Amino acid sequence: MKYDVLIIGGGPAGNYLAGLLAGKMDVAVIERKGSFGGKACTGIIGAEMYEALGLPEKAVLNAFNGAFFISKKTVFEIKRRTPQAYLVDRKTLERELAKKAMRKGAEYYLATNFLGFRDGKAIVQHLDSKFAIRADFYVGADGINSTVAREINAKTEGEVLRGWELEVLGNFRRDKVEVWVNKEINPEFFLWVAPINEEEARVGTFGPIDSLAKFLKLRRLEGGKILEFKTGAVILGWRKPWVKENVALLGDAALQIKPTTAGGIVFGAYCARVLAREILKGDISKYEKECSWVRNQISFGLRVRKLFEKMSQESIEEVFEILGSEEAREIIEKSASFDDHVQTIKAILKSPKLLAKLIRISPMILRMLL
């Protein structure tokens, strides 16, 4: 078999890329699972980027116009009149993107494993049958444990975090996400509550599982009313190179993941657009360079992550007090971007008063963010 492009991995990034290329090139997608979805994924995506990328409306479960930020001692609310983020069903998202690609001519092989490259061909296995697929370009969109990345000897430098997510019954404010930052409950990451509707929500965190148990008690959510439990892992860091000859890595396989939230759908889709453009040109050597926006966001996010790890809960309380001030909330509500955290922090640091207060907490904050 011969294709112009073989995409290895039928997740959001791989399916999105297939939809961009199908109809212009001969595209095939192989996916080791026998169905779409199934991965632990809260699925909160900025509304602006979701619409700009043309992601499927059918996958949207809920819309948020703001968030409650909650520390041990402080609570403040950020709100806008229009939706700022969507809660997305991962299975529907993947299926709709795949359907779009299929309608445009992409061929899909489910329950098919990529085994490696041999003589310029991809060796794959479906049930008991092994066969080779030749393509002009190969794209590894096969997740953090990417076989394609191993095949091209990509090096990984990052932090592995185990994530836990529940769907629970309770009483929730449908239009607001809850972001809890309390190192006494979880020293490794924040915790979140993302309502699906008024009585169901996705609750999760990264780090020790007992942190989630403690949080359920604190949030007064009943352990006997859990509808679904999922677990997974992310790597926050770098995997290089993203390109080797005619092979490219995309999405989680390239660690195109936000270090601040561990979300990867937007970064993967953004880089898929770049990669599609380069593939259509017939030369993917500039793909990584042309994804500079994502690389800058990852670099900045890793600095924020390092800062969080170094901060005490007392320092976090001081930061929350500043961010909860009327001046800070006005700036955030006016200028913040859900998916562009560089833009958000820069907007805050442009205020001399807020900048001075942050420096008083610790000069390390300024050094690491700038």
Protein backbone atom coordinates (compact mmCIF):
# COMPACT_ATOMS: atom_id res chain seq x y z
CA MET A 1 0.00 0.00 0.00
CA LYS A 2 1.17 3.50 -0.79
CA TYR A 3 -0.07 6.87 0.49
CA ASP A 4 1.15 10.43 0.42
CA VAL A 5 0.79 10.69 4.21
CA LEU A 6 0.45 8.01 6.88
CA ILE A 7 -0.72 9.33 10.26
CA ILE A 8 -0.01 7.00 13.16
CA GLY A 9 -2.53 7.74 15.89
CA GLY A 10 -6.21 8.61 15.62
CA GLY A 11 -6.54 11.04 18.52
CA PRO A 12 -7.55 14.71 18.20
CA ALA A 13 -4.27 15.88 16.64
CA GLY A 14 -3.97 13.00 14.17
CA ASN A 15 -7.61 13.20 13.09
CA TYR A 16 -7.47 16.98 12.78
CA LEU A 17 -4.38 16.73 10.55
CA ALA A 18 -6.09 14.05 8.44
CA GLY A 19 -9.02 16.39 7.88
CA LEU A 20 -6.70 19.20 6.78
CA LEU A 21 -4.88 17.01 4.24
CA ALA A 22 -7.60 14.65 2.97
CA GLY A 23 -8.95 15.62 -0.42
CA LYS A 24 -5.62 17.25 -1.29
CA MET A 25 -3.43 14.19 -0.74
CA ASP A 26 -3.87 10.45 -0.25
CA VAL A 27 -4.07 10.06 3.53
CA ALA A 28 -4.31 7.03 5.80
CA VAL A 29 -4.66 6.90 9.59
CA ILE A 30 -3.87 3.89 11.74
CA GLU A 31 -5.12 3.66 15.32
CA ARG A 32 -4.23 0.89 17.76
CA LYS A 33 -7.59 1.08 19.57
CA GLY A 34 -10.75 -0.31 18.03
CA SER A 35 -12.72 2.87 18.76
CA PHE A 36 -12.22 6.57 19.36
CA GLY A 37 -11.97 8.26 22.75
CA GLY A 38 -11.49 6.51 26.06
CA LYS A 39 -8.56 8.59 27.30
CA ALA A 40 -8.84 10.51 30.57
CA CYS A 41 -9.37 14.08 29.40
CA THR A 42 -11.28 16.87 31.13
CA GLY A 43 -11.57 18.62 27.78
CA ILE A 44 -11.62 22.32 28.69
CA ILE A 45 -10.66 24.33 25.61
CA GLY A 46 -10.63 28.10 25.14
CA ALA A 47 -13.69 29.19 23.15
CA GLU A 48 -11.75 31.56 20.91
CA MET A 49 -9.23 28.92 19.82
CA TYR A 50 -11.89 26.22 19.55
CA GLU A 51 -13.81 28.32 17.05
CA ALA A 52 -10.72 29.59 15.22
CA LEU A 53 -9.52 26.01 14.69
CA GLY A 54 -12.94 24.98 13.39
CA LEU A 55 -13.37 22.19 15.93
CA PRO A 56 -16.76 20.43 15.93
CA GLU A 57 -19.63 22.14 17.72
CA LYS A 58 -21.25 18.74 18.30
CA ALA A 59 -18.51 17.82 20.81
CA VAL A 60 -19.27 20.77 23.14
CA LEU A 61 -21.00 19.69 26.38
CA ASN A 62 -20.98 23.00 28.25
CA ALA A 63 -19.73 26.59 28.04
CA PHE A 64 -18.01 28.53 30.83
CA ASN A 65 -18.00 32.30 31.13
CA GLY A 66 -15.57 32.35 34.02
CA ALA A 67 -13.96 30.57 36.93
CA PHE A 68 -13.67 30.53 40.70
CA PHE A 69 -10.06 30.49 41.94
CA ILE A 70 -9.83 29.04 45.42
CA SER A 71 -6.84 28.75 47.72
CA LYS A 72 -6.79 27.77 51.38
CA LYS A 73 -7.82 31.28 52.48
CA THR A 74 -8.96 33.20 49.39
CA VAL A 75 -11.68 32.92 46.77
CA PHE A 76 -12.04 35.22 43.79
CA GLU A 77 -14.10 35.07 40.63
CA ILE A 78 -13.22 35.88 37.04
CA LYS A 79 -16.20 36.34 34.75
CA ARG A 80 -17.15 37.62 31.34
CA ARG A 81 -20.42 38.01 29.50
CA THR A 82 -19.57 35.58 26.72
CA PRO A 83 -18.25 31.99 26.90
CA GLN A 84 -14.50 31.84 27.46
CA ALA A 85 -14.07 28.08 27.39
CA TYR A 86 -15.92 24.96 26.35
CA LEU A 87 -16.15 21.58 28.02
CA VAL A 88 -15.73 18.97 25.31
CA ASP A 89 -16.54 15.28 25.05
CA ARG A 90 -13.29 13.66 23.92
CA LYS A 91 -14.92 10.67 22.23
CA THR A 92 -17.29 12.84 20.21
CA LEU A 93 -14.45 15.20 19.31
CA GLU A 94 -12.29 12.38 17.94
CA ARG A 95 -15.19 10.73 16.10
CA GLU A 96 -16.37 13.97 14.47
CA LEU A 97 -12.86 14.86 13.34
CA ALA A 98 -12.37 11.35 11.96
CA LYS A 99 -15.74 11.46 10.16
CA LYS A 100 -14.79 14.75 8.56
CA ALA A 101 -11.49 13.29 7.37
CA MET A 102 -13.19 10.14 6.08
CA ARG A 103 -15.76 12.15 4.12
CA LYS A 104 -12.89 13.95 2.42
CA GLY A 105 -11.24 10.67 1.46
CA ALA A 106 -8.95 9.66 4.32
CA GLU A 107 -8.73 5.90 4.95
CA TYR A 108 -8.76 4.60 8.53
CA TYR A 109 -7.37 1.36 9.94
CA LEU A 110 -8.58 0.78 13.50
CA ALA A 111 -7.23 -1.91 15.84
CA THR A 112 -3.96 -1.61 13.96
CA ASN A 113 -0.57 -1.33 15.67
CA PHE A 114 2.49 0.45 14.31
CA LEU A 115 5.48 -1.83 14.90
CA GLY A 116 8.30 0.24 13.41
CA PHE A 117 10.00 1.37 10.22
CA ARG A 118 11.81 -0.96 7.87
CA ASP A 119 13.37 0.02 4.54
CA GLY A 120 11.44 3.28 4.45
CA LYS A 121 8.10 1.59 5.13
CA ALA A 122 5.84 1.47 8.17
CA ILE A 123 5.30 -2.07 9.42
CA VAL A 124 1.86 -2.45 10.99
CA GLN A 125 -0.17 -5.28 12.45
CA HIS A 126 -3.94 -5.79 12.33
CA LEU A 127 -5.04 -8.82 14.36
CA ASP A 128 -2.73 -11.63 13.17
CA SER A 129 -1.80 -9.95 9.90
CA LYS A 130 1.36 -7.89 9.39
CA PHE A 131 1.83 -5.68 6.36
CA ALA A 132 3.85 -2.70 5.15
CA ILE A 133 2.63 0.78 4.23
CA ARG A 134 4.80 3.14 2.23
CA ALA A 135 4.24 6.90 2.42
CA ASP A 136 6.03 10.05 1.39
CA PHE A 137 5.49 11.46 4.91
CA TYR A 138 4.90 9.72 8.22
CA VAL A 139 3.35 11.51 11.21
CA GLY A 140 3.58 10.14 14.74
CA ALA A 141 0.50 11.29 16.63
CA ASP A 142 0.57 8.27 18.92
CA GLY A 143 0.65 9.85 22.37
CA ILE A 144 3.25 10.41 25.06
CA ASN A 145 4.55 6.83 24.79
CA SER A 146 5.04 7.29 21.06
CA THR A 147 6.52 4.34 19.20
CA VAL A 148 7.28 6.70 16.31
CA ALA A 149 9.32 8.91 18.64
CA ARG A 150 11.37 5.90 19.71
CA GLU A 151 11.88 4.88 16.10
CA ILE A 152 13.43 8.25 15.22
CA ASN A 153 15.45 8.29 18.48
CA ALA A 154 13.73 11.39 19.82
CA LYS A 155 15.00 12.34 23.27
CA THR A 156 12.62 13.15 26.11
CA GLU A 157 13.31 15.54 28.96
CA GLY A 158 10.37 16.14 31.22
CA GLU A 159 8.30 15.44 34.29
CA VAL A 160 5.89 12.51 34.28
CA LEU A 161 2.65 13.14 36.16
CA ARG A 162 -0.13 10.65 36.81
CA GLY A 163 -3.61 12.14 36.49
CA TRP A 164 -6.92 11.15 38.07
CA GLU A 165 -10.37 12.19 36.97
CA LEU A 166 -13.88 11.43 38.18
CA GLU A 167 -17.33 12.24 36.95
CA VAL A 168 -19.46 12.80 40.04
CA LEU A 169 -22.97 13.76 41.05
CA GLY A 170 -23.44 16.90 43.13
CA ASN A 171 -24.64 20.47 42.97
CA PHE A 172 -22.64 22.77 40.69
CA ARG A 173 -22.65 26.25 39.22
CA ARG A 174 -22.88 25.27 35.57
CA ASP A 175 -21.21 28.35 34.04
CA LYS A 176 -18.05 28.38 36.19
CA VAL A 177 -14.97 26.17 36.50
CA GLU A 178 -13.45 25.80 39.96
CA VAL A 179 -9.65 25.93 40.27
CA TRP A 180 -8.35 24.95 43.71
CA VAL A 181 -4.72 25.61 44.67
CA ASN A 182 -3.82 24.20 48.07
CA LYS A 183 -0.46 22.52 48.59
CA GLU A 184 -1.65 21.03 51.86
CA ILE A 185 -4.04 18.89 49.80
CA ASN A 186 -1.89 18.43 46.71
CA PRO A 187 1.68 19.79 46.64
CA GLU A 188 2.17 18.80 42.98
CA PHE A 189 -0.72 20.36 41.04
CA PHE A 190 -3.97 22.24 41.29
CA LEU A 191 -7.38 20.54 41.50
CA TRP A 192 -10.38 21.30 39.34
CA VAL A 193 -14.14 20.98 39.14
CA ALA A 194 -15.54 21.30 35.61
CA PRO A 195 -19.36 21.10 35.56
CA ILE A 196 -21.05 19.21 32.74
CA ASN A 197 -24.40 20.49 33.97
CA GLU A 198 -25.96 21.44 37.31
CA GLU A 199 -25.64 17.94 38.79
CA GLU A 200 -22.61 16.36 37.06
CA ALA A 201 -19.00 17.48 36.96
CA ARG A 202 -15.52 16.29 36.07
CA VAL A 203 -13.24 16.48 39.09
CA GLY A 204 -9.54 15.79 38.89
CA THR A 205 -5.89 16.52 39.54
CA PHE A 206 -2.37 15.29 38.83
CA GLY A 207 -0.19 13.82 41.54
CA PRO A 208 -0.96 11.52 44.49
CA ILE A 209 -4.35 9.82 44.29
CA ASP A 210 -4.94 10.44 47.99
CA SER A 211 -4.98 14.17 47.13
CA LEU A 212 -8.13 13.56 45.14
CA ALA A 213 -9.71 11.67 48.03
CA LYS A 214 -8.92 14.55 50.40
CA PHE A 215 -10.36 17.02 47.93
CA LEU A 216 -13.64 15.13 47.59
CA LYS A 217 -14.10 15.46 51.35
CA LEU A 218 -13.15 19.14 51.34
CA ARG A 219 -15.52 19.88 48.43
CA ARG A 220 -18.20 17.75 50.11
CA LEU A 221 -18.58 15.44 47.15
CA GLU A 222 -19.71 11.92 48.00
CA GLY A 223 -17.46 9.03 47.06
CA GLY A 224 -20.54 6.86 46.59
CA LYS A 225 -21.80 9.06 43.75
CA ILE A 226 -18.99 8.56 41.25
CA LEU A 227 -20.24 7.90 37.72
CA GLU A 228 -16.87 7.33 36.07
CA PHE A 229 -13.21 7.01 37.04
CA LYS A 230 -10.32 7.45 34.64
CA THR A 231 -6.57 7.69 34.99
CA GLY A 232 -3.75 8.61 32.65
CA ALA A 233 -0.38 10.29 32.49
CA VAL A 234 1.29 13.27 30.86
CA ILE A 235 4.87 14.36 30.37
CA LEU A 236 5.54 18.06 30.85
CA GLY A 237 8.71 19.03 29.04
CA TRP A 238 10.42 18.59 25.70
CA ARG A 239 10.80 15.85 23.15
CA LYS A 240 13.26 16.52 20.35
CA PRO A 241 13.48 16.48 17.45
CA TRP A 242 9.93 16.90 16.15
CA VAL A 243 11.19 16.14 12.64
CA LYS A 244 13.64 13.60 11.25
CA GLU A 245 13.82 13.33 7.47
CA ASN A 246 10.25 12.52 6.32
CA VAL A 247 8.91 11.71 9.81
CA ALA A 248 7.24 14.26 12.10
CA LEU A 249 5.85 14.10 15.63
CA LEU A 250 2.56 15.79 16.50
CA GLY A 251 0.44 16.43 19.58
CA ASP A 252 1.25 14.49 22.74
CA ALA A 253 3.84 12.47 20.80
CA ALA A 254 5.82 15.73 20.48
CA LEU A 255 4.88 16.77 24.04
CA GLN A 256 2.89 19.71 22.67
CA ILE A 257 1.26 19.95 26.09
CA LYS A 258 0.60 22.98 28.32
CA PRO A 259 2.78 22.66 31.43
CA THR A 260 0.33 24.89 33.32
CA THR A 261 -2.80 22.79 32.78
CA ALA A 262 -1.56 19.56 31.11
CA GLY A 263 -3.96 20.15 28.22
CA GLY A 264 -2.77 19.37 24.71
CA ILE A 265 -5.67 19.55 22.25
CA VAL A 266 -5.19 23.18 21.20
CA PHE A 267 -1.41 22.96 20.88
CA GLY A 268 -1.73 19.76 18.88
CA ALA A 269 -4.33 21.25 16.52
CA TYR A 270 -2.32 24.45 16.09
CA CYS A 271 0.79 22.46 15.16
CA ALA A 272 -1.28 20.22 12.89
CA ARG A 273 -2.17 23.31 10.86
CA VAL A 274 1.49 24.20 10.58
CA LEU A 275 2.47 20.65 9.68
CA ALA A 276 -0.30 20.36 7.05
CA ARG A 277 0.98 23.51 5.37
CA GLU A 278 4.55 22.21 5.31
CA ILE A 279 3.50 18.78 4.03
CA LEU A 280 1.56 20.38 1.20
CA LYS A 281 4.75 22.28 0.31
CA GLY A 282 6.59 18.96 0.19
CA ASP A 283 9.16 19.90 2.85
CA ILE A 284 8.64 19.47 6.62
CA SER A 285 12.12 20.59 7.69
CA LYS A 286 10.78 23.95 8.99
CA TYR A 287 7.80 22.47 10.85
CA GLU A 288 9.27 22.77 14.34
CA LYS A 289 10.53 26.31 13.73
CA GLU A 290 7.15 27.38 12.37
CA CYS A 291 5.47 26.15 15.58
CA SER A 292 7.25 28.90 17.52
CA TRP A 293 4.05 30.06 19.25
CA VAL A 294 3.57 26.63 20.82
CA ARG A 295 7.25 26.28 21.70
CA ASN A 296 7.20 29.69 23.40
CA GLN A 297 4.05 28.75 25.34
CA ILE A 298 5.66 25.49 26.50
CA SER A 299 8.87 27.25 27.52
CA PHE A 300 6.93 29.85 29.49
CA GLY A 301 4.66 27.22 31.02
CA LEU A 302 7.64 25.22 32.25
CA ARG A 303 8.92 28.32 34.05
CA VAL A 304 5.50 28.79 35.67
CA ARG A 305 5.52 25.12 36.64
CA LYS A 306 8.97 25.46 38.23
CA LEU A 307 7.81 28.57 40.08
CA PHE A 308 4.77 26.75 41.45
CA GLU A 309 6.96 23.91 42.71
CA LYS A 310 9.22 26.35 44.58
CA MET A 311 6.44 28.44 46.14
CA SER A 312 5.09 27.81 49.61
CA GLN A 313 1.36 27.88 50.30
CA GLU A 314 1.93 31.14 52.18
CA SER A 315 3.38 32.73 49.03
CA ILE A 316 0.51 31.35 46.97
CA GLU A 317 -1.93 32.98 49.39
CA GLU A 318 -0.21 36.33 48.85
CA VAL A 319 -0.39 35.91 45.06
CA PHE A 320 -4.09 35.02 45.30
CA GLU A 321 -4.71 38.14 47.33
CA ILE A 322 -3.10 40.25 44.59
CA LEU A 323 -4.86 38.48 41.72
CA GLY A 324 -8.16 38.75 43.55
CA SER A 325 -7.86 42.53 43.78
CA GLU A 326 -10.23 44.63 41.69
CA GLU A 327 -7.39 45.97 39.50
CA ALA A 328 -6.03 42.52 38.72
CA ARG A 329 -9.45 41.05 38.01
CA GLU A 330 -10.24 43.88 35.61
CA ILE A 331 -7.01 43.23 33.70
CA ILE A 332 -7.59 39.47 33.61
CA GLU A 333 -11.21 39.83 32.48
CA LYS A 334 -10.22 42.28 29.77
CA SER A 335 -6.95 40.81 28.47
CA ALA A 336 -6.55 37.20 29.59
CA SER A 337 -6.55 34.37 27.06
CA PHE A 338 -7.44 30.84 28.13
CA ASP A 339 -4.91 29.30 25.75
CA ASP A 340 -2.26 32.05 25.62
CA HIS A 341 -0.82 32.22 29.12
CA VAL A 342 2.10 34.38 27.99
CA GLN A 343 -0.38 37.08 26.97
CA THR A 344 -2.22 36.78 30.29
CA ILE A 345 0.87 37.15 32.48
CA LYS A 346 2.27 39.99 30.37
CA ALA A 347 -0.99 41.90 30.77
CA ILE A 348 -0.73 41.61 34.56
CA LEU A 349 2.95 42.57 34.67
CA LYS A 350 2.26 45.75 32.68
CA SER A 351 0.58 47.17 35.80
CA PRO A 352 3.31 48.91 37.88
CA LYS A 353 1.28 48.49 41.05
CA LEU A 354 0.69 44.77 40.59
CA LEU A 355 4.28 44.24 39.47
CA ALA A 356 5.62 45.92 42.60
CA LYS A 357 3.39 43.78 44.84
CA LEU A 358 4.52 40.58 43.15
CA ILE A 359 8.18 41.54 43.50
CA ARG A 360 7.64 42.19 47.21
CA ILE A 361 6.41 38.61 47.63
CA SER A 362 9.54 37.28 45.96
CA PRO A 363 11.94 38.61 43.30
CA MET A 364 12.03 34.99 42.06
CA ILE A 365 8.54 35.49 40.58
CA LEU A 366 9.73 38.20 38.25
CA ARG A 367 12.97 36.42 37.31
CA MET A 368 11.23 33.22 36.39
CA LEU A 369 8.30 34.75 34.51
CA LEU A 370 10.44 37.11 32.45
